[in-house]
């Protein structure tokens, strides 16, 4: 089953930065970036529960992987 990541709107650019670091081979930096926004990003099975917890920072982005 696919996992779901729900991220607040504020976290989207930071997530993009993390992907950029990962693509450049800097896994440590990518992980540090993700940890810095851990309160704004949640991996979950139910997007509705994630959306409720993150609703203070709309919009919600959903990434399946």
N, C-alpha and C. Protein backbone atom coordinates (compact mmCIF):
# COMPACT_ATOMS: atom_id res chain seq x y z
N UNK A 1 0.84 -1.20 0.00
CA UNK A 1 0.00 0.00 0.00
C UNK A 1 0.88 1.25 0.00
N UNK A 2 0.45 2.24 -0.76
CA UNK A 2 1.18 3.50 -0.78
C UNK A 2 1.07 4.18 0.57
N UNK A 3 2.15 4.87 0.92
CA UNK A 3 2.09 5.71 2.11
C UNK A 3 1.66 7.10 1.66
N UNK A 4 1.18 7.87 2.60
CA UNK A 4 0.72 9.22 2.31
C UNK A 4 1.55 10.20 3.15
N UNK A 5 2.02 11.25 2.51
CA UNK A 5 2.63 12.35 3.25
C UNK A 5 1.70 13.55 3.12
N UNK A 6 1.32 14.13 4.22
CA UNK A 6 0.56 15.37 4.20
C UNK A 6 1.47 16.48 4.70
N UNK A 7 1.54 17.56 3.96
CA UNK A 7 2.42 18.66 4.34
C UNK A 7 1.65 19.96 4.30
N UNK A 8 1.95 20.82 5.24
CA UNK A 8 1.32 22.14 5.23
C UNK A 8 1.87 22.95 4.08
N UNK A 9 1.14 23.99 3.71
CA UNK A 9 1.59 24.86 2.64
C UNK A 9 2.97 25.44 2.91
N UNK A 10 3.23 25.82 4.16
CA UNK A 10 4.51 26.41 4.52
C UNK A 10 5.65 25.43 4.32
N UNK A 11 5.35 24.14 4.43
CA UNK A 11 6.40 23.13 4.33
C UNK A 11 6.78 22.79 2.90
N UNK A 12 5.98 23.19 1.92
CA UNK A 12 6.20 22.72 0.56
C UNK A 12 7.55 23.13 0.00
N UNK A 13 7.94 24.39 0.17
CA UNK A 13 9.22 24.84 -0.36
C UNK A 13 10.37 24.15 0.36
N UNK A 14 10.22 23.95 1.65
CA UNK A 14 11.26 23.28 2.41
C UNK A 14 11.39 21.83 1.95
N UNK A 15 10.27 21.18 1.67
CA UNK A 15 10.33 19.83 1.12
C UNK A 15 11.04 19.82 -0.22
N UNK A 16 10.78 20.81 -1.05
CA UNK A 16 11.46 20.90 -2.34
C UNK A 16 12.96 21.04 -2.15
N UNK A 17 13.37 21.82 -1.17
CA UNK A 17 14.79 21.97 -0.87
C UNK A 17 15.40 20.64 -0.45
N UNK A 18 14.65 19.87 0.31
CA UNK A 18 15.14 18.57 0.75
C UNK A 18 15.34 17.64 -0.44
N UNK A 19 14.38 17.63 -1.35
CA UNK A 19 14.51 16.80 -2.55
C UNK A 19 15.73 17.23 -3.35
N UNK A 20 15.94 18.54 -3.45
CA UNK A 20 17.12 19.03 -4.16
C UNK A 20 18.41 18.55 -3.53
N UNK A 21 18.49 18.59 -2.21
CA UNK A 21 19.68 18.11 -1.51
C UNK A 21 19.87 16.62 -1.74
N UNK A 22 18.78 15.87 -1.70
CA UNK A 22 18.84 14.43 -1.91
C UNK A 22 19.35 14.12 -3.32
N UNK A 23 18.84 14.86 -4.32
CA UNK A 23 19.26 14.63 -5.70
C UNK A 23 20.73 14.97 -5.90
N UNK A 24 21.25 15.89 -5.10
CA UNK A 24 22.67 16.24 -5.19
C UNK A 24 23.54 15.26 -4.41
N UNK A 25 22.92 14.29 -3.76
CA UNK A 25 23.66 13.27 -3.04
C UNK A 25 23.92 13.60 -1.59
N UNK A 26 23.38 14.71 -1.11
CA UNK A 26 23.61 15.11 0.29
C UNK A 26 22.45 14.61 1.14
N UNK A 27 22.49 13.31 1.45
CA UNK A 27 21.40 12.68 2.18
C UNK A 27 21.29 13.26 3.60
N UNK A 28 22.42 13.53 4.22
CA UNK A 28 22.40 14.08 5.58
C UNK A 28 21.67 15.42 5.60
N UNK A 29 21.99 16.28 4.64
CA UNK A 29 21.33 17.59 4.57
C UNK A 29 19.84 17.42 4.31
N UNK A 30 19.48 16.49 3.42
CA UNK A 30 18.06 16.25 3.14
C UNK A 30 17.33 15.83 4.40
N UNK A 31 17.93 14.94 5.17
CA UNK A 31 17.31 14.49 6.42
C UNK A 31 17.19 15.62 7.43
N UNK A 32 18.22 16.47 7.51
CA UNK A 32 18.17 17.60 8.43
C UNK A 32 17.02 18.54 8.07
N UNK A 33 16.83 18.76 6.77
CA UNK A 33 15.75 19.65 6.34
C UNK A 33 14.40 19.06 6.73
N UNK A 34 14.22 17.77 6.48
CA UNK A 34 12.96 17.12 6.84
C UNK A 34 12.72 17.19 8.34
N UNK A 35 13.76 16.94 9.14
CA UNK A 35 13.60 17.00 10.59
C UNK A 35 13.21 18.40 11.05
N UNK A 36 13.69 19.42 10.35
CA UNK A 36 13.39 20.79 10.76
C UNK A 36 11.92 21.15 10.57
N UNK A 37 11.21 20.39 9.75
CA UNK A 37 9.79 20.67 9.54
C UNK A 37 8.93 19.49 9.94
N UNK A 38 9.45 18.68 10.83
CA UNK A 38 8.71 17.46 11.20
C UNK A 38 7.33 17.77 11.77
N UNK A 39 7.17 18.92 12.38
CA UNK A 39 5.85 19.26 12.93
C UNK A 39 4.85 19.65 11.83
N UNK A 40 5.35 19.90 10.63
CA UNK A 40 4.49 20.32 9.53
C UNK A 40 4.27 19.22 8.50
N UNK A 41 4.94 18.10 8.70
CA UNK A 41 4.86 17.00 7.74
C UNK A 41 4.50 15.74 8.51
N UNK A 42 3.63 14.97 7.96
CA UNK A 42 3.19 13.76 8.65
C UNK A 42 3.01 12.63 7.64
N UNK A 43 3.56 11.48 7.97
CA UNK A 43 3.32 10.28 7.18
C UNK A 43 2.19 9.52 7.85
N UNK A 44 1.18 9.17 7.10
CA UNK A 44 0.01 8.58 7.71
C UNK A 44 -0.69 7.65 6.73
N UNK A 45 -1.64 6.91 7.23
CA UNK A 45 -2.44 6.02 6.40
C UNK A 45 -3.74 6.68 5.96
N UNK A 46 -4.19 7.67 6.70
CA UNK A 46 -5.50 8.27 6.45
C UNK A 46 -5.33 9.78 6.24
N UNK A 47 -5.49 10.23 5.01
CA UNK A 47 -5.26 11.64 4.71
C UNK A 47 -6.22 12.55 5.46
N UNK A 48 -7.41 12.08 5.77
CA UNK A 48 -8.36 12.94 6.47
C UNK A 48 -7.88 13.28 7.87
N UNK A 49 -7.31 12.30 8.56
CA UNK A 49 -6.75 12.57 9.88
C UNK A 49 -5.57 13.53 9.80
N UNK A 50 -4.71 13.35 8.79
CA UNK A 50 -3.59 14.27 8.61
C UNK A 50 -4.10 15.68 8.36
N UNK A 51 -5.09 15.80 7.50
CA UNK A 51 -5.60 17.12 7.14
C UNK A 51 -6.15 17.83 8.37
N UNK A 52 -6.82 17.11 9.23
CA UNK A 52 -7.36 17.72 10.45
C UNK A 52 -6.23 18.24 11.33
N UNK A 53 -5.18 17.45 11.48
CA UNK A 53 -4.07 17.86 12.35
C UNK A 53 -3.27 19.01 11.76
N UNK A 54 -3.24 19.11 10.43
CA UNK A 54 -2.44 20.13 9.78
C UNK A 54 -3.26 21.32 9.30
N UNK A 55 -4.53 21.39 9.63
CA UNK A 55 -5.40 22.39 9.03
C UNK A 55 -5.03 23.83 9.36
N UNK A 56 -4.19 24.04 10.34
CA UNK A 56 -3.77 25.40 10.64
C UNK A 56 -2.87 26.02 9.59
N UNK A 57 -2.33 25.22 8.69
CA UNK A 57 -1.43 25.71 7.65
C UNK A 57 -1.88 25.26 6.27
N UNK A 58 -3.03 25.67 5.80
CA UNK A 58 -3.47 25.25 4.47
C UNK A 58 -2.60 25.90 3.39
N UNK A 59 -2.53 25.39 2.17
CA UNK A 59 -3.25 24.18 1.76
C UNK A 59 -2.49 22.92 2.13
N UNK A 60 -3.17 21.81 2.09
CA UNK A 60 -2.55 20.53 2.36
C UNK A 60 -2.05 19.95 1.04
N UNK A 61 -0.82 19.52 1.02
CA UNK A 61 -0.29 18.82 -0.14
C UNK A 61 -0.24 17.34 0.18
N UNK A 62 -0.58 16.52 -0.76
CA UNK A 62 -0.57 15.09 -0.55
C UNK A 62 0.37 14.45 -1.55
N UNK A 63 1.30 13.67 -1.05
CA UNK A 63 2.27 13.00 -1.90
C UNK A 63 2.19 11.51 -1.61
N UNK A 64 1.91 10.72 -2.62
CA UNK A 64 1.87 9.27 -2.46
C UNK A 64 3.21 8.70 -2.90
N UNK A 65 3.70 7.73 -2.15
CA UNK A 65 4.95 7.07 -2.58
C UNK A 65 4.93 5.63 -2.16
